[in-house]
Protein backbone atom coordinates (compact mmCIF):
# COMPACT_ATOMS: atom_id res chain seq x y z
CA MET A 1 8.79 6.49 -9.81
CA LYS A 2 6.25 7.23 -7.17
CA TYR A 3 6.46 5.68 -3.53
CA LEU A 4 3.63 5.60 -1.01
CA PHE A 5 4.12 4.67 2.71
CA LEU A 6 0.65 4.17 4.54
CA ASP A 7 1.20 4.07 8.08
CA ASP A 8 -0.55 6.20 10.99
CA GLU A 9 2.41 6.85 13.21
CA ARG A 10 5.91 5.32 11.63
CA ASN A 11 7.98 6.82 9.08
CA PRO A 12 9.67 5.01 6.21
CA THR A 13 13.35 5.34 8.32
CA ASP A 14 11.63 3.49 11.24
CA VAL A 15 11.00 0.32 8.88
CA THR A 16 14.08 -1.54 9.97
CA TRP A 17 12.97 -5.20 9.96
CA LEU A 18 12.21 -5.67 6.54
CA HIS A 19 15.66 -6.57 4.46
CA ASP A 20 14.43 -5.47 0.93
CA PHE A 21 12.95 -1.83 2.04
CA ASP A 22 14.50 1.19 1.20
CA PRO A 23 13.94 3.95 3.52
CA THR A 24 15.95 6.53 1.40
CA LEU A 25 13.35 6.82 -1.37
CA ASP A 26 11.25 9.67 -1.96
CA TRP A 27 8.15 8.30 -0.11
CA ALA A 28 5.03 10.10 -0.03
CA VAL A 29 3.44 9.53 3.52
CA VAL A 30 0.14 9.38 4.21
CA ARG A 31 -1.52 8.66 7.67
CA SER A 32 -4.89 7.11 7.05
CA PHE A 33 -7.15 5.08 4.63
CA ASP A 34 -8.83 8.78 3.60
CA GLU A 35 -5.53 10.19 2.83
CA ALA A 36 -4.45 7.21 0.74
CA CYS A 37 -7.40 7.06 -1.19
CA GLY A 38 -7.02 10.81 -1.73
CA TYR A 39 -3.47 10.58 -2.73
CA VAL A 40 -4.51 7.95 -5.31
CA VAL A 41 -7.28 9.75 -6.81
CA ASN A 42 -5.13 13.02 -7.22
CA HIS A 43 -1.91 11.46 -8.30
CA GLY A 44 -2.42 8.11 -9.63
CA ILE A 45 -1.58 4.55 -8.58
CA PRO A 46 1.89 4.52 -7.14
CA ASP A 47 4.80 2.52 -8.73
CA VAL A 48 5.20 1.34 -5.09
CA ILE A 49 2.94 0.84 -1.75
CA SER A 50 4.12 -0.06 1.50
CA PHE A 51 1.26 -1.23 3.68
CA ASP A 52 0.55 -0.81 7.59
CA HIS A 53 -2.31 -2.72 8.27
CA ASP A 54 -3.60 -1.36 11.73
CA LEU A 55 -4.39 2.53 10.95
CA GLY A 56 -5.55 3.38 14.44
CA VAL A 57 -9.40 3.97 14.64
CA GLY A 58 -11.24 3.33 11.58
CA ARG A 59 -10.40 1.75 8.37
CA SER A 60 -7.26 -0.65 8.14
CA GLY A 61 -4.55 -1.24 5.40
CA LYS A 62 -6.33 -3.94 4.13
CA ASP A 63 -9.47 -1.78 3.63
CA PHE A 64 -7.29 0.42 1.50
CA ALA A 65 -5.87 -2.45 -0.30
CA ASN A 66 -9.58 -3.59 -1.47
CA TRP A 67 -10.37 0.10 -2.33
CA LEU A 68 -7.31 0.11 -4.47
CA ILE A 69 -8.24 -2.91 -6.39
CA ASN A 70 -11.76 -1.69 -6.76
CA TYR A 71 -10.26 1.65 -8.11
CA ASP A 72 -8.17 -0.04 -10.70
CA LEU A 73 -10.79 -2.42 -11.80
CA ASP A 74 -12.97 0.68 -12.53
CA HIS A 75 -10.02 3.20 -14.07
CA GLY A 76 -7.31 0.50 -15.31
CA ILE A 77 -4.59 2.62 -14.00
CA MET A 78 -2.16 0.35 -11.96
CA PRO A 79 1.39 0.84 -13.71
CA ASP A 80 3.20 -1.98 -15.17
CA GLY A 81 5.34 -3.48 -12.67
CA PHE A 82 3.50 -2.27 -9.52
CA SER A 83 4.70 -3.60 -6.38
CA PHE A 84 4.13 -3.18 -2.74
CA THR A 85 5.24 -4.46 0.63
CA VAL A 86 3.87 -4.72 4.01
CA HIS A 87 5.78 -3.38 6.79
CA SER A 88 2.87 -3.98 9.36
CA MET A 89 3.86 -5.65 12.59
CA ASN A 90 0.30 -7.35 12.63
CA PRO A 91 1.22 -11.23 11.41
CA ILE A 92 -2.54 -11.72 10.28
CA GLY A 93 -3.10 -8.38 8.95
CA ARG A 94 0.13 -8.55 6.75
CA ARG A 95 -0.80 -11.65 5.32
CA ASN A 96 -4.39 -10.65 4.62
CA ILE A 97 -3.04 -7.80 2.49
CA GLN A 98 -0.47 -9.75 0.81
CA SER A 99 -2.71 -12.71 -0.34
CA LEU A 100 -5.15 -10.16 -1.58
CA LEU A 101 -2.64 -8.01 -3.77
CA GLN A 102 -0.94 -11.07 -4.86
CA THR A 103 -3.96 -12.94 -6.02
CA TYR A 104 -5.16 -9.47 -7.64
CA ILE A 105 -1.90 -8.80 -9.54
CA ALA A 106 -1.74 -12.32 -10.55
CA ASP A 107 -5.26 -12.41 -12.15
CA LYS A 108 -4.69 -9.08 -13.73
CA ASN A 109 -1.38 -10.34 -15.08
CA SER A 110 -2.72 -13.45 -16.47
């Protein structure tokens, strides 16, 4: 399985507030919207993505979630059983990413 961790500052071992998050998995860490997009273009959509919302200056984790959906619509390569978590401490950003991806996955699987 492939795991992608999007955060401009933290590492997977820093995420201690989520009960179902395993920091010991082999996470590929990307620090920006552009790095996340580049990872997907070069390696495909991973099985699991953990999102931060606030990525410093520039685009956000929600922007990447939107890009990911459009990339899947164009290429149809989202793995069966794709899952995600949002480790962002920004409650509004977290809800926006969760809502966006939950809606897309539900529509895709219906």
